[in-house]
Amino acid sequence: MNLKKAIAASIIIVILFGGLSSSTTAEENNAGTQDVNVLKTNIGELKKTIQTQEEQIQRTNKELDELKKQLDAQIKENDRLRELCKKAGIDTTKEIDSNTTPNGRIIYRGKERDEDWFNRMYKRFSDKIALVGDKFVDLGTEPKEIGNDFVEVGTIIDARYGDNTVISVIGDREALINYQGGRLSQISSITKVTYHICGYDYPLIDGQRLDILFKKNLICVGTYEYTTAQGAKKTIQSFKVWEPKPLTKEQFAEALRSGFELVNYVEKQGKTVKVPIR
């Protein structure tokens, strides 16, 4: 009888331990499944974070490249101006006070001018002269209307009186533009001309009609040559968006030393006449 009881007790113990073991394994499996789900969720969130950071890095790199281009352009322009000043005998190593004449003699029309004369002329003409490339040009009076006839470098153009459409974006801030219209043109004599534009600071796309751009004037910077779809070479006028900006005193002194003539524009008998400053 004792033997039977012992065997029965053993069987009960085995069953209990077996059940307990099965219960523990199920709980472990449950916990394992939950851990995997958490890991998958974390991986998904990290993937999104990584993608966002990569996009931010790409944008930052583009901005950095653009800043580098601007810096290179500014360094080149600074070097060019220094070289011009050197040729003109201007000392660029000293600061120039905004209320005084730049160092060095100012000779105009073969006569040495004093500081008072220089300051008066600067106040009067600094916004009527433009530095285009390495050339000083007189801005004249009113802007001219764009047309088929080529104009001199430095001529200010008003292209607002017609339709300006992008034919093709050909480079960084460069495009070919088709112009049709005119301020006083009749239907039978509408001006039609293709020209090159550069120096704008917003994106253009092929076929775009330009409105905002031509709230500003253009300034002629020379000519541009390109090859047509038929393989022919064509030379057209080249313009830059004109941002009015007075010459600095250094640039104004440089203009006078280079022989630039200051002129007034006066009306005589219905015509605009140039009167040189003596």
C-alpha atoms as a PDB file:
ATOM      1  CA  MET A   1       0.000   0.000   0.000  1.00  0.00           C
ATOM      2  CA  ASN A   2       2.852   2.362   0.806  1.00  0.00           C
ATOM      3  CA  LEU A   3       4.429   1.521  -2.558  1.00  0.00           C
ATOM      4  CA  LYS A   4       1.225   2.399  -4.430  1.00  0.00           C
ATOM      5  CA  LYS A   5       0.991   5.707  -2.594  1.00  0.00           C
ATOM      6  CA  ALA A   6       4.623   6.526  -3.404  1.00  0.00           C
ATOM      7  CA  ILE A   7       4.093   5.837  -7.124  1.00  0.00           C
ATOM      8  CA  ALA A   8       0.934   7.939  -7.180  1.00  0.00           C
ATOM      9  CA  ALA A   9       2.725  10.832  -5.491  1.00  0.00           C
ATOM     10  CA  SER A  10       5.547  10.616  -8.022  1.00  0.00           C
ATOM     11  CA  ILE A  11       3.107  10.782 -10.921  1.00  0.00           C
ATOM     12  CA  ILE A  12       1.414  13.867  -9.443  1.00  0.00           C
ATOM     13  CA  ILE A  13       4.764  15.599  -8.987  1.00  0.00           C
ATOM     14  CA  VAL A  14       5.773  14.878 -12.628  1.00  0.00           C
ATOM     15  CA  ILE A  15       2.431  16.209 -13.899  1.00  0.00           C
ATOM     16  CA  LEU A  16       2.746  19.363 -11.785  1.00  0.00           C
ATOM     17  CA  PHE A  17       6.288  20.034 -12.945  1.00  0.00           C
ATOM     18  CA  GLY A  18       5.322  19.358 -16.545  1.00  0.00           C
ATOM     19  CA  GLY A  19       2.459  21.825 -16.351  1.00  0.00           C
ATOM     20  CA  LEU A  20       4.648  24.405 -14.703  1.00  0.00           C
ATOM     21  CA  SER A  21       7.294  23.950 -17.379  1.00  0.00           C
ATOM     22  CA  SER A  22       4.740  24.349 -20.163  1.00  0.00           C
ATOM     23  CA  SER A  23       3.356  27.511 -18.547  1.00  0.00           C
ATOM     24  CA  THR A  24       6.847  29.031 -18.217  1.00  0.00           C
ATOM     25  CA  THR A  25       7.691  28.293 -21.884  1.00  0.00           C
ATOM     26  CA  ALA A  26       4.474  29.979 -23.086  1.00  0.00           C
ATOM     27  CA  GLU A  27       5.210  33.081 -21.010  1.00  0.00           C
ATOM     28  CA  GLU A  28       8.759  33.227 -22.394  1.00  0.00           C
ATOM     29  CA  ASN A  29       7.433  32.935 -25.964  1.00  0.00           C
ATOM     30  CA  ASN A  30       4.955  35.732 -25.237  1.00  0.00           C
ATOM     31  CA  ALA A  31       7.715  37.972 -23.896  1.00  0.00           C
ATOM     32  CA  GLY A  32       9.893  37.174 -26.919  1.00  0.00           C
ATOM     33  CA  THR A  33       7.149  38.191 -29.354  1.00  0.00           C
ATOM     34  CA  GLN A  34       6.637  41.499 -27.532  1.00  0.00           C
ATOM     35  CA  ASP A  35      10.397  42.248 -27.631  1.00  0.00           C
ATOM     36  CA  VAL A  36      10.507  41.655 -31.415  1.00  0.00           C
ATOM     37  CA  ASN A  37       7.590  44.036 -31.990  1.00  0.00           C
ATOM     38  CA  VAL A  38       9.286  46.721 -29.901  1.00  0.00           C
ATOM     39  CA  LEU A  39      12.507  46.232 -31.851  1.00  0.00           C
ATOM     40  CA  LYS A  40      10.674  46.503 -35.177  1.00  0.00           C
ATOM     41  CA  THR A  41       8.976  49.716 -34.026  1.00  0.00           C
ATOM     42  CA  ASN A  42      12.297  51.205 -32.884  1.00  0.00           C
ATOM     43  CA  ILE A  43      13.985  50.243 -36.164  1.00  0.00           C
ATOM     44  CA  GLY A  44      11.200  51.906 -38.162  1.00  0.00           C
ATOM     45  CA  GLU A  45      11.458  55.130 -36.149  1.00  0.00           C
ATOM     46  CA  LEU A  46      15.247  55.176 -36.438  1.00  0.00           C
ATOM     47  CA  LYS A  47      14.995  54.660 -40.196  1.00  0.00           C
ATOM     48  CA  LYS A  48      12.767  57.724 -40.505  1.00  0.00           C
ATOM     49  CA  THR A  49      15.140  59.752 -38.318  1.00  0.00           C
ATOM     50  CA  ILE A  50      18.147  58.696 -40.403  1.00  0.00           C
ATOM     51  CA  GLN A  51      16.351  59.594 -43.644  1.00  0.00           C
ATOM     52  CA  THR A  52      15.414  63.027 -42.289  1.00  0.00           C
ATOM     53  CA  GLN A  53      18.984  63.691 -41.169  1.00  0.00           C
ATOM     54  CA  GLU A  54      20.379  62.588 -44.545  1.00  0.00           C
ATOM     55  CA  GLU A  55      18.018  65.001 -46.313  1.00  0.00           C
ATOM     56  CA  GLN A  56      19.111  67.801 -43.969  1.00  0.00           C
ATOM     57  CA  ILE A  57      22.764  67.021 -44.726  1.00  0.00           C
ATOM     58  CA  GLN A  58      22.067  67.138 -48.485  1.00  0.00           C
ATOM     59  CA  ARG A  59      20.358  70.522 -48.160  1.00  0.00           C
ATOM     60  CA  THR A  60      23.189  71.838 -46.002  1.00  0.00           C
ATOM     61  CA  ASN A  61      25.786  70.619 -48.507  1.00  0.00           C
ATOM     62  CA  LYS A  62      23.956  72.403 -51.349  1.00  0.00           C
ATOM     63  CA  GLU A  63      23.811  75.622 -49.325  1.00  0.00           C
ATOM     64  CA  LEU A  64      27.502  75.258 -48.489  1.00  0.00           C
ATOM     65  CA  ASP A  65      28.383  74.757 -52.173  1.00  0.00           C
ATOM     66  CA  GLU A  66      26.406  77.893 -53.064  1.00  0.00           C
ATOM     67  CA  LEU A  67      28.181  79.893 -50.337  1.00  0.00           C
ATOM     68  CA  LYS A  68      31.542  78.653 -51.643  1.00  0.00           C
ATOM     69  CA  LYS A  69      30.620  79.818 -55.165  1.00  0.00           C
ATOM     70  CA  GLN A  70      29.612  83.235 -53.816  1.00  0.00           C
ATOM     71  CA  LEU A  71      32.830  83.473 -51.811  1.00  0.00           C
ATOM     72  CA  ASP A  72      34.957  82.556 -54.851  1.00  0.00           C
ATOM     73  CA  ALA A  73      33.153  85.192 -56.928  1.00  0.00           C
ATOM     74  CA  GLN A  74      33.661  87.833 -54.220  1.00  0.00           C
ATOM     75  CA  ILE A  75      37.365  86.981 -53.910  1.00  0.00           C
ATOM     76  CA  LYS A  76      37.815  87.261 -57.697  1.00  0.00           C
ATOM     77  CA  GLU A  77      35.968  90.588 -57.768  1.00  0.00           C
ATOM     78  CA  ASN A  78      38.049  91.885 -54.859  1.00  0.00           C
ATOM     79  CA  ASP A  79      41.269  90.845 -56.605  1.00  0.00           C
ATOM     80  CA  ARG A  80      40.101  92.508 -59.832  1.00  0.00           C
ATOM     81  CA  LEU A  81      39.269  95.782 -58.065  1.00  0.00           C
ATOM     82  CA  ARG A  82      42.602  95.755 -56.223  1.00  0.00           C
ATOM     83  CA  GLU A  83      44.433  95.282 -59.524  1.00  0.00           C
ATOM     84  CA  LEU A  84      42.517  98.185 -61.081  1.00  0.00           C
ATOM     85  CA  CYS A  85      43.322 100.356 -58.054  1.00  0.00           C
ATOM     86  CA  LYS A  86      46.978  99.379 -58.321  1.00  0.00           C
ATOM     87  CA  LYS A  87      47.096 100.411 -61.986  1.00  0.00           C
ATOM     88  CA  ALA A  88      45.385 103.699 -61.098  1.00  0.00           C
ATOM     89  CA  GLY A  89      47.862 104.376 -58.271  1.00  0.00           C
ATOM     90  CA  ILE A  90      45.292 103.962 -55.494  1.00  0.00           C
ATOM     91  CA  ASP A  91      46.526 102.718 -52.112  1.00  0.00           C
ATOM     92  CA  THR A  92      44.074 100.030 -50.953  1.00  0.00           C
ATOM     93  CA  THR A  93      45.945  99.166 -47.753  1.00  0.00           C
ATOM     94  CA  LYS A  94      44.424 102.057 -45.790  1.00  0.00           C
ATOM     95  CA  GLU A  95      40.844 102.562 -44.692  1.00  0.00           C
ATOM     96  CA  ILE A  96      39.031 105.380 -46.502  1.00  0.00           C
ATOM     97  CA  ASP A  97      36.699 107.538 -44.476  1.00  0.00           C
ATOM     98  CA  SER A  98      33.312 107.982 -46.148  1.00  0.00           C
ATOM     99  CA  ASN A  99      33.542 111.777 -45.810  1.00  0.00           C
ATOM    100  CA  THR A 100      36.966 112.294 -47.355  1.00  0.00           C
ATOM    101  CA  THR A 101      38.711 111.968 -50.681  1.00  0.00           C
ATOM    102  CA  PRO A 102      40.507 108.655 -51.332  1.00  0.00           C
ATOM    103  CA  ASN A 103      44.287 108.848 -50.958  1.00  0.00           C
ATOM    104  CA  GLY A 104      46.115 110.080 -54.007  1.00  0.00           C
ATOM    105  CA  ARG A 105      45.721 113.046 -56.362  1.00  0.00           C
ATOM    106  CA  ILE A 106      42.456 113.438 -58.257  1.00  0.00           C
ATOM    107  CA  ILE A 107      43.087 114.730 -61.777  1.00  0.00           C
ATOM    108  CA  TYR A 108      40.037 115.550 -63.888  1.00  0.00           C
ATOM    109  CA  ARG A 109      40.285 116.994 -67.410  1.00  0.00           C
ATOM    110  CA  GLY A 110      43.971 117.677 -66.825  1.00  0.00           C
ATOM    111  CA  LYS A 111      43.389 119.660 -63.651  1.00  0.00           C
ATOM    112  CA  GLU A 112      44.007 118.616 -60.045  1.00  0.00           C
ATOM    113  CA  ARG A 113      40.831 118.798 -57.936  1.00  0.00           C
ATOM    114  CA  ASP A 114      40.532 119.370 -54.216  1.00  0.00           C
ATOM    115  CA  GLU A 115      38.642 117.342 -51.629  1.00  0.00           C
ATOM    116  CA  ASP A 116      35.607 119.624 -51.591  1.00  0.00           C
ATOM    117  CA  TRP A 117      35.183 119.354 -55.368  1.00  0.00           C
ATOM    118  CA  PHE A 118      35.557 115.582 -55.230  1.00  0.00           C
ATOM    119  CA  ASN A 119      32.919 115.185 -52.498  1.00  0.00           C
ATOM    120  CA  ARG A 120      30.451 117.424 -54.359  1.00  0.00           C
ATOM    121  CA  MET A 121      30.905 115.494 -57.593  1.00  0.00           C
ATOM    122  CA  TYR A 122      30.628 112.170 -55.794  1.00  0.00           C
ATOM    123  CA  LYS A 123      27.324 113.159 -54.174  1.00  0.00           C
ATOM    124  CA  ARG A 124      26.018 114.333 -57.545  1.00  0.00           C
ATOM    125  CA  PHE A 125      27.179 111.554 -59.875  1.00  0.00           C
ATOM    126  CA  SER A 126      27.919 108.377 -57.872  1.00  0.00           C
ATOM    127  CA  ASP A 127      24.517 106.890 -58.752  1.00  0.00           C
ATOM    128  CA  LYS A 128      24.711 107.944 -62.418  1.00  0.00           C
ATOM    129  CA  ILE A 129      27.722 105.781 -63.292  1.00  0.00           C
ATOM    130  CA  ALA A 130      27.948 101.996 -63.406  1.00  0.00           C
ATOM    131  CA  LEU A 131      30.951  99.686 -63.337  1.00  0.00           C
ATOM    132  CA  VAL A 132      30.271  96.979 -65.919  1.00  0.00           C
ATOM    133  CA  GLY A 133      33.100  94.450 -66.027  1.00  0.00           C
ATOM    134  CA  ASP A 134      36.163  96.701 -65.982  1.00  0.00           C
ATOM    135  CA  LYS A 135      34.456  99.607 -67.762  1.00  0.00           C
ATOM    136  CA  PHE A 136      32.793 102.677 -66.265  1.00  0.00           C
ATOM    137  CA  VAL A 137      29.684 103.714 -68.181  1.00  0.00           C
ATOM    138  CA  ASP A 138      27.330 106.670 -68.053  1.00  0.00           C
ATOM    139  CA  LEU A 139      23.813 105.497 -67.222  1.00  0.00           C
ATOM    140  CA  GLY A 140      22.326 108.312 -69.274  1.00  0.00           C
ATOM    141  CA  THR A 141      18.769 109.478 -68.690  1.00  0.00           C
ATOM    142  CA  GLU A 142      15.738 107.250 -69.248  1.00  0.00           C
ATOM    143  CA  PRO A 143      16.012 103.477 -69.869  1.00  0.00           C
ATOM    144  CA  LYS A 144      15.721 102.452 -73.507  1.00  0.00           C
ATOM    145  CA  GLU A 145      13.168  99.995 -74.826  1.00  0.00           C
ATOM    146  CA  ILE A 146      14.561  96.643 -75.931  1.00  0.00           C
ATOM    147  CA  GLY A 147      14.786  96.172 -79.679  1.00  0.00           C
ATOM    148  CA  ASN A 148      16.618  94.463 -82.539  1.00  0.00           C
ATOM    149  CA  ASP A 149      19.363  97.094 -82.643  1.00  0.00           C
ATOM    150  CA  PHE A 150      22.325  96.308 -80.403  1.00  0.00           C
ATOM    151  CA  VAL A 151      23.029  98.835 -77.660  1.00  0.00           C
ATOM    152  CA  GLU A 152      26.283  99.841 -75.996  1.00  0.00           C
ATOM    153  CA  VAL A 153      27.562  98.091 -72.872  1.00  0.00           C
ATOM    154  CA  GLY A 154      26.112  99.829 -69.824  1.00  0.00           C
ATOM    155  CA  THR A 155      22.849 100.832 -71.516  1.00  0.00           C
ATOM    156  CA  ILE A 156      19.849 100.445 -69.213  1.00  0.00           C
ATOM    157  CA  ILE A 157      16.944  98.598 -70.829  1.00  0.00           C
ATOM    158  CA  ASP A 158      13.258  98.489 -69.940  1.00  0.00           C
ATOM    159  CA  ALA A 159      11.717  95.196 -71.118  1.00  0.00           C
ATOM    160  CA  ARG A 160       8.406  95.459 -69.288  1.00  0.00           C
ATOM    161  CA  TYR A 161       6.324  96.395 -72.317  1.00  0.00           C
ATOM    162  CA  GLY A 162       6.182  92.966 -73.905  1.00  0.00           C
ATOM    163  CA  ASP A 163       6.015  89.246 -73.260  1.00  0.00           C
ATOM    164  CA  ASN A 164       9.276  87.756 -71.989  1.00  0.00           C
ATOM    165  CA  THR A 165       9.370  83.947 -72.167  1.00  0.00           C
ATOM    166  CA  VAL A 166      12.191  81.577 -71.244  1.00  0.00           C
ATOM    167  CA  ILE A 167      13.324  79.658 -74.332  1.00  0.00           C
ATOM    168  CA  SER A 168      15.986  77.676 -72.516  1.00  0.00           C
ATOM    169  CA  VAL A 169      17.854  77.689 -69.205  1.00  0.00           C
ATOM    170  CA  ILE A 170      21.445  77.190 -70.370  1.00  0.00           C
ATOM    171  CA  GLY A 171      23.504  77.347 -67.182  1.00  0.00           C
ATOM    172  CA  ASP A 172      23.793  78.597 -63.639  1.00  0.00           C
ATOM    173  CA  ARG A 173      21.657  81.779 -63.629  1.00  0.00           C
ATOM    174  CA  GLU A 174      21.772  82.027 -67.413  1.00  0.00           C
ATOM    175  CA  ALA A 175      18.915  81.731 -69.879  1.00  0.00           C
ATOM    176  CA  LEU A 176      17.778  82.616 -73.397  1.00  0.00           C
ATOM    177  CA  ILE A 177      14.682  84.809 -73.483  1.00  0.00           C
ATOM    178  CA  ASN A 178      12.215  85.491 -76.267  1.00  0.00           C
ATOM    179  CA  TYR A 179      10.728  89.010 -76.243  1.00  0.00           C
ATOM    180  CA  GLN A 180       7.631  90.093 -78.167  1.00  0.00           C
ATOM    181  CA  GLY A 181       5.864  93.403 -77.842  1.00  0.00           C
ATOM    182  CA  GLY A 182       6.764  97.027 -77.321  1.00  0.00           C
ATOM    183  CA  ARG A 183       5.510 100.145 -75.603  1.00  0.00           C
ATOM    184  CA  LEU A 184       4.041 101.825 -78.682  1.00  0.00           C
ATOM    185  CA  SER A 185       4.290  99.007 -81.230  1.00  0.00           C
ATOM    186  CA  GLN A 186       1.403  98.397 -83.594  1.00  0.00           C
ATOM    187  CA  ILE A 187       0.276  94.834 -84.279  1.00  0.00           C
ATOM    188  CA  SER A 188       2.070  94.933 -87.641  1.00  0.00           C
ATOM    189  CA  SER A 189       5.367  96.094 -86.116  1.00  0.00           C
ATOM    190  CA  ILE A 190       5.716  94.122 -82.896  1.00  0.00           C
ATOM    191  CA  THR A 191       9.328  93.766 -81.801  1.00  0.00           C
ATOM    192  CA  LYS A 192      10.524  90.170 -81.750  1.00  0.00           C
ATOM    193  CA  VAL A 193      13.971  89.517 -80.367  1.00  0.00           C
ATOM    194  CA  THR A 194      15.914  86.801 -78.559  1.00  0.00           C
ATOM    195  CA  TYR A 195      18.405  87.857 -75.898  1.00  0.00           C
ATOM    196  CA  HIS A 196      20.628  86.355 -73.212  1.00  0.00           C
ATOM    197  CA  ILE A 197      20.128  87.099 -69.521  1.00  0.00           C
ATOM    198  CA  CYS A 198      22.288  86.467 -66.458  1.00  0.00           C
ATOM    199  CA  GLY A 199      22.592  87.599 -62.861  1.00  0.00           C
ATOM    200  CA  TYR A 200      19.083  86.809 -61.693  1.00  0.00           C
ATOM    201  CA  ASP A 201      18.660  85.283 -58.222  1.00  0.00           C
ATOM    202  CA  TYR A 202      15.655  82.991 -58.519  1.00  0.00           C
ATOM    203  CA  PRO A 203      15.028  79.753 -60.456  1.00  0.00           C
ATOM    204  CA  LEU A 204      13.724  79.851 -64.026  1.00  0.00           C
ATOM    205  CA  ILE A 205      12.306  76.991 -66.096  1.00  0.00           C
ATOM    206  CA  ASP A 206      11.873  76.502 -69.843  1.00  0.00           C
ATOM    207  CA  GLY A 207       8.636  78.022 -71.132  1.00  0.00           C
ATOM    208  CA  GLN A 208       8.150  80.269 -68.096  1.00  0.00           C
ATOM    209  CA  ARG A 209       6.551  83.683 -68.622  1.00  0.00           C
ATOM    210  CA  LEU A 210       8.489  86.346 -66.773  1.00  0.00           C
ATOM    211  CA  ASP A 211       6.573  88.989 -64.852  1.00  0.00           C
ATOM    212  CA  ILE A 212       8.256  89.620 -61.502  1.00  0.00           C
ATOM    213  CA  LEU A 213      11.710  89.726 -63.108  1.00  0.00           C
ATOM    214  CA  PHE A 214      10.854  92.711 -65.262  1.00  0.00           C
ATOM    215  CA  LYS A 215       9.725  94.957 -62.482  1.00  0.00           C
ATOM    216  CA  LYS A 216      13.448  95.711 -62.610  1.00  0.00           C
ATOM    217  CA  ASN A 217      15.469  97.063 -65.529  1.00  0.00           C
ATOM    218  CA  LEU A 218      18.259  95.290 -67.369  1.00  0.00           C
ATOM    219  CA  ILE A 219      21.763  96.513 -68.148  1.00  0.00           C
ATOM    220  CA  CYS A 220      23.669  95.504 -71.278  1.00  0.00           C
ATOM    221  CA  VAL A 221      26.861  93.586 -70.448  1.00  0.00           C
ATOM    222  CA  GLY A 222      27.897  92.694 -74.002  1.00  0.00           C
ATOM    223  CA  THR A 223      26.956  89.922 -76.413  1.00  0.00           C
ATOM    224  CA  TYR A 224      26.406  86.171 -76.189  1.00  0.00           C
ATOM    225  CA  GLU A 225      27.021  83.561 -78.880  1.00  0.00           C
ATOM    226  CA  TYR A 226      25.200  80.242 -79.078  1.00  0.00           C
ATOM    227  CA  THR A 227      24.451  77.479 -81.571  1.00  0.00           C
ATOM    228  CA  THR A 228      20.879  77.006 -82.766  1.00  0.00           C
ATOM    229  CA  ALA A 229      19.131  73.639 -83.112  1.00  0.00           C
ATOM    230  CA  GLN A 230      19.943  73.808 -86.836  1.00  0.00           C
ATOM    231  CA  GLY A 231      23.671  74.104 -86.057  1.00  0.00           C
ATOM    232  CA  ALA A 232      24.014  77.799 -86.936  1.00  0.00           C
ATOM    233  CA  LYS A 233      25.944  80.186 -84.709  1.00  0.00           C
ATOM    234  CA  LYS A 234      24.046  83.248 -83.527  1.00  0.00           C
ATOM    235  CA  THR A 235      25.162  86.340 -81.620  1.00  0.00           C
ATOM    236  CA  ILE A 236      22.613  88.140 -79.452  1.00  0.00           C
ATOM    237  CA  GLN A 237      22.625  90.885 -76.829  1.00  0.00           C
ATOM    238  CA  SER A 238      23.429  89.930 -73.250  1.00  0.00           C
ATOM    239  CA  PHE A 239      21.800  91.634 -70.262  1.00  0.00           C
ATOM    240  CA  LYS A 240      22.007  91.425 -66.511  1.00  0.00           C
ATOM    241  CA  VAL A 241      19.314  92.275 -63.984  1.00  0.00           C
ATOM    242  CA  TRP A 242      20.089  95.842 -62.955  1.00  0.00           C
ATOM    243  CA  GLU A 243      20.282  96.543 -59.234  1.00  0.00           C
ATOM    244  CA  PRO A 244      20.955 100.287 -58.850  1.00  0.00           C
ATOM    245  CA  LYS A 245      23.933 100.779 -56.571  1.00  0.00           C
ATOM    246  CA  PRO A 246      26.065 103.942 -56.266  1.00  0.00           C
ATOM    247  CA  LEU A 247      29.797 103.698 -56.849  1.00  0.00           C
ATOM    248  CA  THR A 248      31.997 103.656 -53.792  1.00  0.00           C
ATOM    249  CA  LYS A 249      34.355 106.602 -53.346  1.00  0.00           C
ATOM    250  CA  GLU A 250      37.256 104.409 -54.399  1.00  0.00           C
ATOM    251  CA  GLN A 251      35.453 103.424 -57.612  1.00  0.00           C
ATOM    252  CA  PHE A 252      34.447 107.025 -58.330  1.00  0.00           C
ATOM    253  CA  ALA A 253      38.062 108.173 -57.916  1.00  0.00           C
ATOM    254  CA  GLU A 254      39.144 105.330 -60.177  1.00  0.00           C
ATOM    255  CA  ALA A 255      36.635 106.437 -62.822  1.00  0.00           C
ATOM    256  CA  LEU A 256      37.945 110.016 -62.766  1.00  0.00           C
ATOM    257  CA  ARG A 257      41.569 108.888 -62.981  1.00  0.00           C
ATOM    258  CA  SER A 258      40.713 106.663 -65.954  1.00  0.00           C
ATOM    259  CA  GLY A 259      39.486 109.704 -67.898  1.00  0.00           C
ATOM    260  CA  PHE A 260      35.739 109.275 -67.392  1.00  0.00           C
ATOM    261  CA  GLU A 261      33.858 112.466 -68.273  1.00  0.00           C
ATOM    262  CA  LEU A 262      31.065 113.716 -66.032  1.00  0.00           C
ATOM    263  CA  VAL A 263      28.080 115.164 -67.899  1.00  0.00           C
ATOM    264  CA  ASN A 264      24.772 116.831 -67.196  1.00  0.00           C
ATOM    265  CA  TYR A 265      21.724 116.144 -69.351  1.00  0.00           C
ATOM    266  CA  VAL A 266      19.755 119.271 -70.233  1.00  0.00           C
ATOM    267  CA  GLU A 267      16.815 119.959 -72.521  1.00  0.00           C
ATOM    268  CA  LYS A 268      17.503 122.331 -75.417  1.00  0.00           C
ATOM    269  CA  GLN A 269      14.937 122.986 -78.123  1.00  0.00           C
ATOM    270  CA  GLY A 270      13.124 119.754 -77.345  1.00  0.00           C
ATOM    271  CA  LYS A 271      16.275 117.620 -77.377  1.00  0.00           C
ATOM    272  CA  THR A 272      18.354 116.133 -74.569  1.00  0.00           C
ATOM    273  CA  VAL A 273      21.909 117.419 -74.780  1.00  0.00           C
ATOM    274  CA  LYS A 274      25.033 116.337 -72.903  1.00  0.00           C
ATOM    275  CA  VAL A 275      26.853 119.155 -71.127  1.00  0.00           C
ATOM    276  CA  PRO A 276      30.300 118.102 -69.812  1.00  0.00           C
ATOM    277  CA  ILE A 277      31.369 119.174 -66.337  1.00  0.00           C
ATOM    278  CA  ARG A 278      34.382 121.413 -66.662  1.00  0.00           C
END
